[in-house]
């Protein structure tokens, strides 16, 4: 049984249960009819006994003239009748079986008693007539009962297999009909692997368990697909972005080892390797951040936007000074949002760093906090080289750089804007970018706010 499918197990269980139920039902019917037939015989005998006694008492002066012709009168065959006096002498009788005794000393007066023998059933009554006690005995055999039970037996033997066949056929139909959607789900699942995770099971508007199972499996497949995409994306991104710095490091080391060099050349080579290692480290950190599972429901805190704005500006002030960029802050409104302070600071710093990197020397970058149309807004604007219109939609793609040479010089990985976009989505916020070549770029973080008028 352990090696059988659930479908076949159910069929076997159905056959066993149906057979057991039908056998119990047949036995119950058989026993009930037997008791009912026996009760009917006893009732008939009781009526016949009372009728004969009534005739005897009515003609007691000449009771011998009473005919025991109840077989014809009641159409009840066979009937064995006899009248016995108190001395157990048979006064009047039809043919009576020898195995039925005539001892009636323990009989109560005017009460019909029934006795059962191997082949006969006897009804007898003690009554008074002509100031003496007499006993009337009326018996019959089990022929009627036996014929009735035999007929019932043949009927059950014939009908039970037919019922069982119909029952098993119905059970077979129900089981296979019920399991057909599951088999379709299994067949569809067999065709889904790591390369075909985009496939989904067919669902309907039904609210049954099979459809709900298909919906849940589709939901599971969707989560698996997202996880696989993240893993594949991480692998491809890592191999793509780490290949270049590793090649540079290898080439630098091979060139340095070809001949002996002075200390300044070694230092220069080591500095080049160190820069590339730092790029690798930053790339891995950024990729790991992008691959993290998104969860916006845990560890939320009240974030004061003015505080993280000042912190971001303070940390990037030295970098701005090196680039000869003036960092300006304009805090028009003080507000707070629910979120993650460290992540929001990373997003602001990434935009600020890009603004500083791509601004013209001795220009300015401004960061402003304000409330616009009931929303909390962080605006970062620069007066730099800008972004071409055809590239503005691609700016949030991983590893995309508008100016590859300058980005590489600044140590960028091409992942900064992807990280900003992810952080923004984590906070259910929007990011808007507007830019014009050679004039500058403006980036806005927009958080939905509850403003009390």
Protein backbone atom coordinates (compact mmCIF):
# COMPACT_ATOMS: atom_id res chain seq x y z
CA UNK A 1 0.00 0.00 0.00
CA UNK A 2 2.88 2.36 0.76
CA UNK A 3 4.02 2.20 -2.87
CA UNK A 4 0.61 3.04 -4.30
CA UNK A 5 -0.51 6.50 -5.34
CA UNK A 6 -3.08 8.34 -3.23
CA UNK A 7 -5.60 7.93 -6.05
CA UNK A 8 -5.29 4.15 -6.04
CA UNK A 9 -5.30 4.02 -2.26
CA UNK A 10 -8.57 5.94 -2.24
CA UNK A 11 -10.06 3.52 -4.75
CA UNK A 12 -9.03 0.53 -2.64
CA UNK A 13 -10.34 2.17 0.52
CA UNK A 14 -13.58 3.00 -1.31
CA UNK A 15 -14.04 -0.65 -2.36
CA UNK A 16 -13.33 -1.94 1.16
CA UNK A 17 -15.62 0.59 2.85
CA UNK A 18 -18.46 0.13 0.34
CA UNK A 19 -18.23 -3.66 0.61
CA UNK A 20 -18.26 -3.49 4.42
CA UNK A 21 -21.25 -1.08 4.42
CA UNK A 22 -23.23 -3.23 1.98
CA UNK A 23 -22.55 -6.41 3.99
CA UNK A 24 -23.66 -4.71 7.21
CA UNK A 25 -26.72 -3.33 5.40
CA UNK A 26 -27.60 -6.77 3.97
CA UNK A 27 -27.25 -8.44 7.38
CA UNK A 28 -29.37 -5.72 8.96
CA UNK A 29 -32.11 -6.12 6.34
CA UNK A 30 -31.96 -9.91 6.64
CA UNK A 31 -32.21 -9.84 10.44
CA UNK A 32 -34.91 -7.16 10.46
CA UNK A 33 -37.07 -9.06 7.97
CA UNK A 34 -36.56 -12.29 9.90
CA UNK A 35 -37.75 -10.68 13.12
CA UNK A 36 -40.62 -8.94 11.29
CA UNK A 37 -41.78 -12.18 9.62
CA UNK A 38 -41.59 -14.09 12.87
CA UNK A 39 -43.59 -11.38 14.61
CA UNK A 40 -46.18 -11.54 11.84
CA UNK A 41 -46.49 -15.32 12.26
CA UNK A 42 -46.95 -14.96 16.00
CA UNK A 43 -49.63 -12.30 15.47
CA UNK A 44 -51.49 -14.52 13.03
CA UNK A 45 -51.31 -17.47 15.42
CA UNK A 46 -52.59 -15.27 18.23
CA UNK A 47 -55.63 -14.22 16.18
CA UNK A 48 -56.35 -17.83 15.19
CA UNK A 49 -56.06 -19.06 18.81
CA UNK A 50 -58.44 -16.40 20.09
CA UNK A 51 -60.91 -17.14 17.27
CA UNK A 52 -60.92 -20.89 17.99
CA UNK A 53 -61.29 -20.34 21.75
CA UNK A 54 -64.19 -18.02 21.08
CA UNK A 55 -65.90 -20.69 18.93
CA UNK A 56 -65.28 -23.40 21.54
CA UNK A 57 -66.67 -21.33 24.38
CA UNK A 58 -69.60 -20.33 22.23
CA UNK A 59 -70.44 -23.99 21.49
CA UNK A 60 -69.19 -25.40 24.79
CA UNK A 61 -72.26 -27.61 25.25
CA UNK A 62 -71.29 -29.40 22.09
CA UNK A 63 -67.74 -28.17 21.40
CA UNK A 64 -66.83 -31.27 19.41
CA UNK A 65 -68.88 -29.99 16.49
CA UNK A 66 -66.43 -27.07 16.06
CA UNK A 67 -64.34 -27.64 12.94
CA UNK A 68 -60.64 -26.75 12.97
CA UNK A 69 -60.73 -25.41 9.42
CA UNK A 70 -58.71 -22.22 10.07
CA UNK A 71 -56.27 -23.13 7.30
CA UNK A 72 -58.93 -22.37 4.73
CA UNK A 73 -60.47 -19.53 6.65
CA UNK A 74 -57.22 -17.65 7.22
CA UNK A 75 -55.38 -19.11 4.22
CA UNK A 76 -52.59 -19.92 6.56
CA UNK A 77 -50.80 -23.20 5.92
CA UNK A 78 -49.84 -25.40 7.57
CA UNK A 79 -51.79 -25.19 10.82
CA UNK A 80 -51.70 -27.89 13.51
CA UNK A 81 -54.56 -27.60 16.06
CA UNK A 82 -55.54 -29.66 19.06
CA UNK A 83 -57.68 -29.35 22.19
CA UNK A 84 -56.45 -30.95 25.44
CA UNK A 85 -58.26 -31.35 28.74
CA UNK A 86 -56.80 -30.91 32.20
CA UNK A 87 -55.72 -34.55 32.25
CA UNK A 88 -53.67 -33.95 29.11
CA UNK A 89 -56.07 -36.03 27.07
CA UNK A 90 -56.41 -34.95 23.45
CA UNK A 91 -60.10 -34.25 22.87
CA UNK A 92 -59.99 -32.97 19.32
CA UNK A 93 -57.08 -32.58 16.92
CA UNK A 94 -55.81 -32.21 13.37
CA UNK A 95 -52.50 -33.77 12.44
CA UNK A 96 -50.04 -32.63 15.09
CA UNK A 97 -46.23 -33.07 15.04
CA UNK A 98 -44.94 -35.59 17.60
CA UNK A 99 -42.05 -33.41 18.75
CA UNK A 100 -44.42 -30.81 20.23
CA UNK A 101 -45.17 -31.91 23.80
CA UNK A 102 -48.50 -31.39 25.53
CA UNK A 103 -47.27 -30.45 28.99
CA UNK A 104 -49.11 -27.30 30.04
CA UNK A 105 -49.00 -27.38 33.82
CA UNK A 106 -47.08 -24.12 34.04
CA UNK A 107 -49.44 -22.18 31.78
CA UNK A 108 -51.20 -19.10 33.10
CA UNK A 109 -54.89 -18.86 32.44
CA UNK A 110 -56.17 -16.78 29.48
CA UNK A 111 -52.64 -15.82 28.42
CA UNK A 112 -51.26 -16.88 25.03
CA UNK A 113 -47.78 -18.31 25.23
CA UNK A 114 -45.36 -19.00 22.40
CA UNK A 115 -42.77 -21.72 22.27
CA UNK A 116 -40.17 -22.35 19.57
CA UNK A 117 -38.91 -25.73 18.50
CA UNK A 118 -36.38 -26.70 15.91
CA UNK A 119 -38.93 -26.82 13.09
CA UNK A 120 -42.09 -25.44 14.61
CA UNK A 121 -43.54 -22.51 16.51
CA UNK A 122 -46.33 -23.21 19.01
CA UNK A 123 -48.99 -20.91 20.45
CA UNK A 124 -51.12 -22.18 23.34
CA UNK A 125 -53.66 -20.83 25.78
CA UNK A 126 -55.31 -22.18 28.94
CA UNK A 127 -59.02 -21.31 29.22
CA UNK A 128 -62.16 -22.40 31.13
CA UNK A 129 -65.08 -24.18 29.59
CA UNK A 130 -67.85 -26.23 31.28
CA UNK A 131 -66.24 -25.40 34.62
CA UNK A 132 -63.05 -27.20 33.61
CA UNK A 133 -59.71 -26.04 32.27
CA UNK A 134 -58.68 -26.82 28.73
CA UNK A 135 -55.65 -26.03 26.62
CA UNK A 136 -55.77 -25.10 22.96
CA UNK A 137 -52.53 -25.52 20.99
CA UNK A 138 -52.04 -24.10 17.50
CA UNK A 139 -48.72 -24.67 15.74
CA UNK A 140 -47.12 -24.06 12.38
CA UNK A 141 -43.73 -24.82 10.90
CA UNK A 142 -41.06 -22.34 9.68
CA UNK A 143 -41.92 -22.89 6.04
CA UNK A 144 -43.24 -19.34 5.53
CA UNK A 145 -40.30 -17.85 7.37
CA UNK A 146 -37.80 -20.03 5.53
CA UNK A 147 -39.29 -19.23 2.14
CA UNK A 148 -39.31 -15.53 2.87
CA UNK A 149 -35.70 -15.50 4.11
CA UNK A 150 -34.55 -17.68 1.24
CA UNK A 151 -36.12 -15.28 -1.27
CA UNK A 152 -34.52 -12.34 0.49
CA UNK A 153 -31.16 -14.13 0.50
CA UNK A 154 -31.29 -14.65 -3.26
CA UNK A 155 -32.34 -11.05 -3.81
CA UNK A 156 -29.43 -9.75 -1.71
CA UNK A 157 -26.96 -12.10 -3.40
CA UNK A 158 -28.09 -10.71 -6.76
CA UNK A 159 -28.46 -7.03 -5.90
CA UNK A 160 -25.43 -6.44 -3.63
CA UNK A 161 -22.83 -7.09 -6.38
CA UNK A 162 -24.76 -4.79 -8.73
CA UNK A 163 -24.87 -2.02 -6.10
CA UNK A 164 -21.19 -2.60 -5.36
CA UNK A 165 -20.29 -2.33 -9.06
CA UNK A 166 -22.21 0.94 -9.41
CA UNK A 167 -20.69 2.23 -6.17
CA UNK A 168 -17.13 1.35 -7.19
CA UNK A 169 -17.68 2.85 -10.65
CA UNK A 170 -19.01 6.04 -9.09
CA UNK A 171 -16.12 6.16 -6.64
CA UNK A 172 -13.64 5.59 -9.48
CA UNK A 173 -15.22 8.45 -11.45
CA UNK A 174 -15.18 10.82 -8.45
CA UNK A 175 -11.56 10.02 -7.52
CA UNK A 176 -10.23 10.41 -11.06
CA UNK A 177 -12.35 13.50 -11.67
CA UNK A 178 -11.12 15.06 -8.41
CA UNK A 179 -7.47 14.22 -9.09
CA UNK A 180 -7.47 15.31 -12.73
CA UNK A 181 -6.71 19.01 -11.89
CA UNK A 182 -3.94 17.88 -9.54
CA UNK A 183 -2.44 15.69 -12.27
CA UNK A 184 -2.54 18.66 -14.63
CA UNK A 185 -0.74 20.76 -12.01
CA UNK A 186 1.90 18.02 -11.60
CA UNK A 187 2.40 17.73 -15.36
CA UNK A 188 2.80 21.51 -15.64
CA UNK A 189 5.21 21.61 -12.70
CA UNK A 190 7.39 18.95 -14.36
CA UNK A 191 7.99 21.40 -17.22
CA UNK A 192 9.11 24.18 -14.89
CA UNK A 193 12.81 24.42 -14.01
CA UNK A 194 15.36 27.12 -13.26
CA UNK A 195 15.25 28.34 -16.87
CA UNK A 196 11.45 28.38 -17.19
CA UNK A 197 10.43 29.93 -13.87
CA UNK A 198 8.36 32.52 -15.71
CA UNK A 199 5.75 29.85 -16.54
CA UNK A 200 2.62 29.83 -14.40
CA UNK A 201 -0.14 27.33 -13.70
CA UNK A 202 -3.56 27.94 -15.20
CA UNK A 203 -6.06 29.28 -12.64
CA UNK A 204 -9.75 30.16 -12.72
CA UNK A 205 -12.25 32.21 -10.76
CA UNK A 206 -13.35 29.17 -8.74
CA UNK A 207 -12.86 29.27 -4.98
CA UNK A 208 -12.18 25.56 -4.57
CA UNK A 209 -9.09 24.12 -2.90
CA UNK A 210 -7.45 23.03 -6.18
CA UNK A 211 -7.61 26.54 -7.62
CA UNK A 212 -6.34 28.03 -4.35
CA UNK A 213 -3.45 25.54 -4.45
CA UNK A 214 -2.61 26.61 -8.01
CA UNK A 215 -2.68 30.28 -6.95
CA UNK A 216 -0.35 29.60 -4.02
CA UNK A 217 2.03 27.61 -6.26
CA UNK A 218 2.06 30.53 -8.73
CA UNK A 219 2.87 32.87 -5.86
CA UNK A 220 5.69 30.55 -4.78
CA UNK A 221 7.01 30.39 -8.36
CA UNK A 222 6.95 34.17 -8.53
CA UNK A 223 9.02 34.45 -5.35
CA UNK A 224 11.42 31.79 -6.62
CA UNK A 225 11.74 33.60 -9.94
CA UNK A 226 12.58 36.85 -8.16
CA UNK A 227 15.17 35.06 -6.01
CA UNK A 228 16.73 33.34 -9.03
CA UNK A 229 16.80 36.61 -10.93
CA UNK A 230 18.58 38.29 -8.02
CA UNK A 231 21.12 35.47 -7.82
CA UNK A 232 21.69 35.46 -11.59
CA UNK A 233 21.84 39.23 -11.68
CA UNK A 234 24.30 39.30 -8.80
CA UNK A 235 26.48 36.69 -10.51
CA UNK A 236 26.45 38.43 -13.88
CA UNK A 237 26.91 41.87 -12.33
CA UNK A 238 29.78 40.68 -10.17
CA UNK A 239 31.54 38.87 -13.02
CA UNK A 240 30.98 41.85 -15.33
CA UNK A 241 32.19 44.53 -12.96
CA UNK A 242 35.00 42.63 -11.21
CA UNK A 243 36.62 41.39 -14.41
CA UNK A 244 38.10 44.78 -15.40
CA UNK A 245 39.78 45.72 -12.07
CA UNK A 246 41.09 42.19 -11.62
CA UNK A 247 42.57 42.31 -15.12
CA UNK A 248 44.18 45.68 -14.33
CA UNK A 249 45.64 44.34 -11.07
CA UNK A 250 46.98 41.22 -12.78
CA UNK A 251 48.51 43.28 -15.64
CA UNK A 252 50.07 45.77 -13.23
CA UNK A 253 51.64 42.99 -11.15
CA UNK A 254 52.93 41.13 -14.22
CA UNK A 255 54.51 44.31 -15.63
CA UNK A 256 56.07 45.18 -12.27
CA UNK A 257 57.60 41.70 -11.87
CA UNK A 258 59.25 41.65 -15.30
CA UNK A 259 62.33 43.52 -13.98
CA UNK A 260 63.67 45.18 -10.89
CA UNK A 261 62.38 48.68 -10.29
CA UNK A 262 63.04 51.51 -7.86
CA UNK A 263 60.80 52.14 -4.84
CA UNK A 264 58.78 54.95 -6.49
CA UNK A 265 57.72 52.63 -9.32
CA UNK A 266 56.75 49.93 -6.83
CA UNK A 267 54.74 52.47 -4.86
CA UNK A 268 53.00 53.67 -8.00
CA UNK A 269 52.13 50.07 -8.98
CA UNK A 270 50.87 49.26 -5.47
CA UNK A 271 48.79 52.44 -5.45
CA UNK A 272 47.18 51.40 -8.73
CA UNK A 273 46.41 47.94 -7.30
CA UNK A 274 45.04 49.50 -4.11
CA UNK A 275 42.71 51.77 -6.08
CA UNK A 276 41.39 48.82 -8.04
CA UNK A 277 40.94 46.75 -4.84
CA UNK A 278 38.94 49.61 -3.32
CA UNK A 279 36.76 49.67 -6.44
CA UNK A 280 36.23 45.89 -6.10
CA UNK A 281 35.33 46.28 -2.43
CA UNK A 282 32.85 49.09 -3.15
CA UNK A 283 31.33 47.10 -6.03
CA UNK A 284 30.80 44.02 -3.83
CA UNK A 285 29.26 46.12 -1.06
CA UNK A 286 26.87 47.77 -3.53
CA UNK A 287 25.93 44.45 -5.16
CA UNK A 288 25.25 42.85 -1.78
CA UNK A 289 23.05 45.79 -0.83
CA UNK A 290 21.03 45.46 -4.04
CA UNK A 291 20.67 41.69 -3.52
CA UNK A 292 19.25 42.04 0.01
CA UNK A 293 15.67 40.95 0.60
CA UNK A 294 13.33 43.90 0.67
CA UNK A 295 11.41 44.24 3.92
CA UNK A 296 9.64 47.47 4.75
CA UNK A 297 7.76 46.33 7.84
CA UNK A 298 10.52 45.75 10.40
CA UNK A 299 12.66 48.18 12.41
CA UNK A 300 11.01 51.31 11.05
CA UNK A 301 11.99 54.48 12.88
CA UNK A 302 11.22 58.19 12.88
CA UNK A 303 13.76 59.83 10.59
CA UNK A 304 14.35 63.59 10.85
CA UNK A 305 15.19 64.62 7.31
CA UNK A 306 16.96 67.88 8.32
CA UNK A 307 19.38 65.94 10.55
CA UNK A 308 20.42 63.37 7.92
CA UNK A 309 20.66 66.19 5.35
CA UNK A 310 23.15 68.07 7.52
CA UNK A 311 25.07 64.84 8.21
CA UNK A 312 25.32 63.99 4.50
CA UNK A 313 26.51 67.53 3.67
CA UNK A 314 29.07 67.45 6.50
CA UNK A 315 30.52 64.10 5.39
CA UNK A 316 30.84 65.22 1.74
CA UNK A 317 32.19 68.71 2.49
CA UNK A 318 35.86 67.63 2.16
CA UNK A 319 35.10 65.94 -1.19
CA UNK A 320 33.34 69.12 -2.40
CA UNK A 321 36.30 71.26 -1.30
CA UNK A 322 38.70 69.09 -3.33
CA UNK A 323 36.46 69.63 -6.38
CA UNK A 324 36.11 73.34 -5.57
CA UNK A 325 32.36 73.01 -5.22
CA UNK A 326 30.29 75.10 -2.83
CA UNK A 327 27.72 73.01 -0.91
CA UNK A 328 24.62 75.02 0.06
CA UNK A 329 21.77 73.88 2.31
CA UNK A 330 18.31 75.40 2.47
CA UNK A 331 16.04 73.93 5.16
CA UNK A 332 12.68 75.57 4.57
CA UNK A 333 10.67 73.01 6.54
CA UNK A 334 11.53 70.55 9.27
CA UNK A 335 9.78 67.20 8.95
CA UNK A 336 10.17 63.51 9.69
CA UNK A 337 9.24 60.28 7.90
CA UNK A 338 9.00 56.61 8.84
CA UNK A 339 11.98 54.69 7.49
CA UNK A 340 15.66 53.89 7.82
CA UNK A 341 17.98 56.81 8.58
CA UNK A 342 21.18 55.08 7.40
CA UNK A 343 19.66 54.08 4.06
CA UNK A 344 18.20 57.52 3.43
CA UNK A 345 21.59 59.10 4.17
CA UNK A 346 23.20 56.70 1.66
CA UNK A 347 20.66 57.78 -0.99
CA UNK A 348 21.20 61.49 -0.32
CA UNK A 349 25.02 61.09 -0.30
CA UNK A 350 24.95 59.16 -3.60
CA UNK A 351 23.02 61.96 -5.31
CA UNK A 352 25.19 64.64 -3.69
CA UNK A 353 28.38 62.84 -4.73
CA UNK A 354 27.16 62.60 -8.33
CA UNK A 355 26.18 66.28 -8.26
CA UNK A 356 29.67 67.24 -6.99
CA UNK A 357 31.45 64.90 -9.42
CA UNK A 358 29.65 66.19 -12.50
CA UNK A 359 29.56 69.90 -11.56
CA UNK A 360 31.86 72.46 -13.10
CA UNK A 361 34.68 73.68 -10.84
CA UNK A 362 33.88 76.65 -8.62
CA UNK A 363 30.13 76.10 -9.12
CA UNK A 364 27.62 75.20 -6.40
CA UNK A 365 25.40 72.27 -5.35
CA UNK A 366 22.27 73.00 -3.37
CA UNK A 367 20.22 70.66 -1.17
CA UNK A 368 16.82 71.86 -0.01
CA UNK A 369 14.12 70.39 2.28
CA UNK A 370 10.57 71.65 1.70
CA UNK A 371 6.87 70.80 1.71
CA UNK A 372 5.25 70.87 -1.72
CA UNK A 373 1.59 70.01 -2.40
CA UNK A 374 1.32 68.24 0.94
CA UNK A 375 4.41 66.07 0.31
CA UNK A 376 7.84 66.08 1.93
CA UNK A 377 10.49 66.88 -0.69
CA UNK A 378 14.30 66.73 -0.70
CA UNK A 379 15.72 68.59 -3.71
CA UNK A 380 19.37 68.33 -4.84
CA UNK A 381 20.40 70.52 -7.77
CA UNK A 382 23.76 71.20 -9.42
CA UNK A 383 25.14 73.36 -12.19
CA UNK A 384 27.08 70.73 -14.03
CA UNK A 385 27.38 68.93 -17.34
CA UNK A 386 23.82 67.54 -17.19
CA UNK A 387 22.46 64.34 -18.67
CA UNK A 388 21.36 63.90 -22.30
CA UNK A 389 17.60 63.33 -22.71
CA UNK A 390 18.03 59.93 -24.36
CA UNK A 391 20.10 58.75 -21.37
CA UNK A 392 17.93 60.05 -18.54
CA UNK A 393 15.70 56.94 -18.54
CA UNK A 394 18.75 54.66 -18.35
CA UNK A 395 20.33 56.45 -15.42
CA UNK A 396 18.91 53.97 -12.85
CA UNK A 397 20.17 50.88 -14.67
CA UNK A 398 22.98 48.94 -13.01
CA UNK A 399 26.50 49.82 -14.22
CA UNK A 400 25.20 52.53 -16.52
CA UNK A 401 27.48 55.57 -16.72
CA UNK A 402 26.81 58.77 -18.64
CA UNK A 403 30.51 59.71 -18.62
CA UNK A 404 32.48 56.50 -18.21
CA UNK A 405 35.92 58.05 -18.06
CA UNK A 406 35.08 60.60 -15.34
CA UNK A 407 33.05 58.06 -13.41
CA UNK A 408 35.97 55.64 -13.41
CA UNK A 409 38.34 58.30 -12.21
CA UNK A 410 36.08 59.10 -9.29
CA UNK A 411 35.95 55.47 -8.19
CA UNK A 412 32.31 54.99 -9.19
CA UNK A 413 30.86 51.52 -9.81
CA UNK A 414 27.80 52.49 -11.85
CA UNK A 415 25.55 51.13 -9.08
CA UNK A 416 24.91 54.32 -7.12
CA UNK A 417 21.66 55.31 -8.86
CA UNK A 418 20.34 51.71 -8.69
CA UNK A 419 20.92 51.81 -4.93
CA UNK A 420 19.15 55.18 -4.69
CA UNK A 421 16.15 53.82 -6.59
CA UNK A 422 15.91 50.77 -4.34
CA UNK A 423 16.10 52.85 -1.14
CA UNK A 424 13.41 55.15 -2.50
CA UNK A 425 11.10 52.19 -3.20
CA UNK A 426 11.74 50.81 0.30
CA UNK A 427 10.29 54.06 1.67
CA UNK A 428 7.30 54.09 -0.73
CA UNK A 429 8.64 57.35 -2.10
CA UNK A 430 9.23 58.68 -5.62
CA UNK A 431 12.36 60.00 -7.27
CA UNK A 432 12.17 62.59 -10.03
CA UNK A 433 15.05 63.65 -12.23
CA UNK A 434 15.22 66.61 -14.58
CA UNK A 435 18.37 67.61 -16.42
CA UNK A 436 19.63 69.80 -19.23
CA UNK A 437 23.00 69.39 -20.88
CA UNK A 438 25.67 71.93 -19.83
CA UNK A 439 23.21 73.57 -17.41
CA UNK A 440 22.76 71.09 -14.60
CA UNK A 441 20.63 68.39 -12.99
CA UNK A 442 17.90 68.42 -10.34
CA UNK A 443 16.89 65.31 -8.36
CA UNK A 444 13.85 65.23 -6.04
CA UNK A 445 12.95 62.69 -3.34
CA UNK A 446 9.19 62.91 -2.76
CA UNK A 447 7.65 61.36 0.38
CA UNK A 448 3.89 61.24 0.92
CA UNK A 449 3.06 63.41 3.92
CA UNK A 450 0.19 64.06 6.34
CA UNK A 451 0.16 67.78 6.61
CA UNK A 452 -2.11 69.49 9.14
CA UNK A 453 -3.41 72.67 7.58
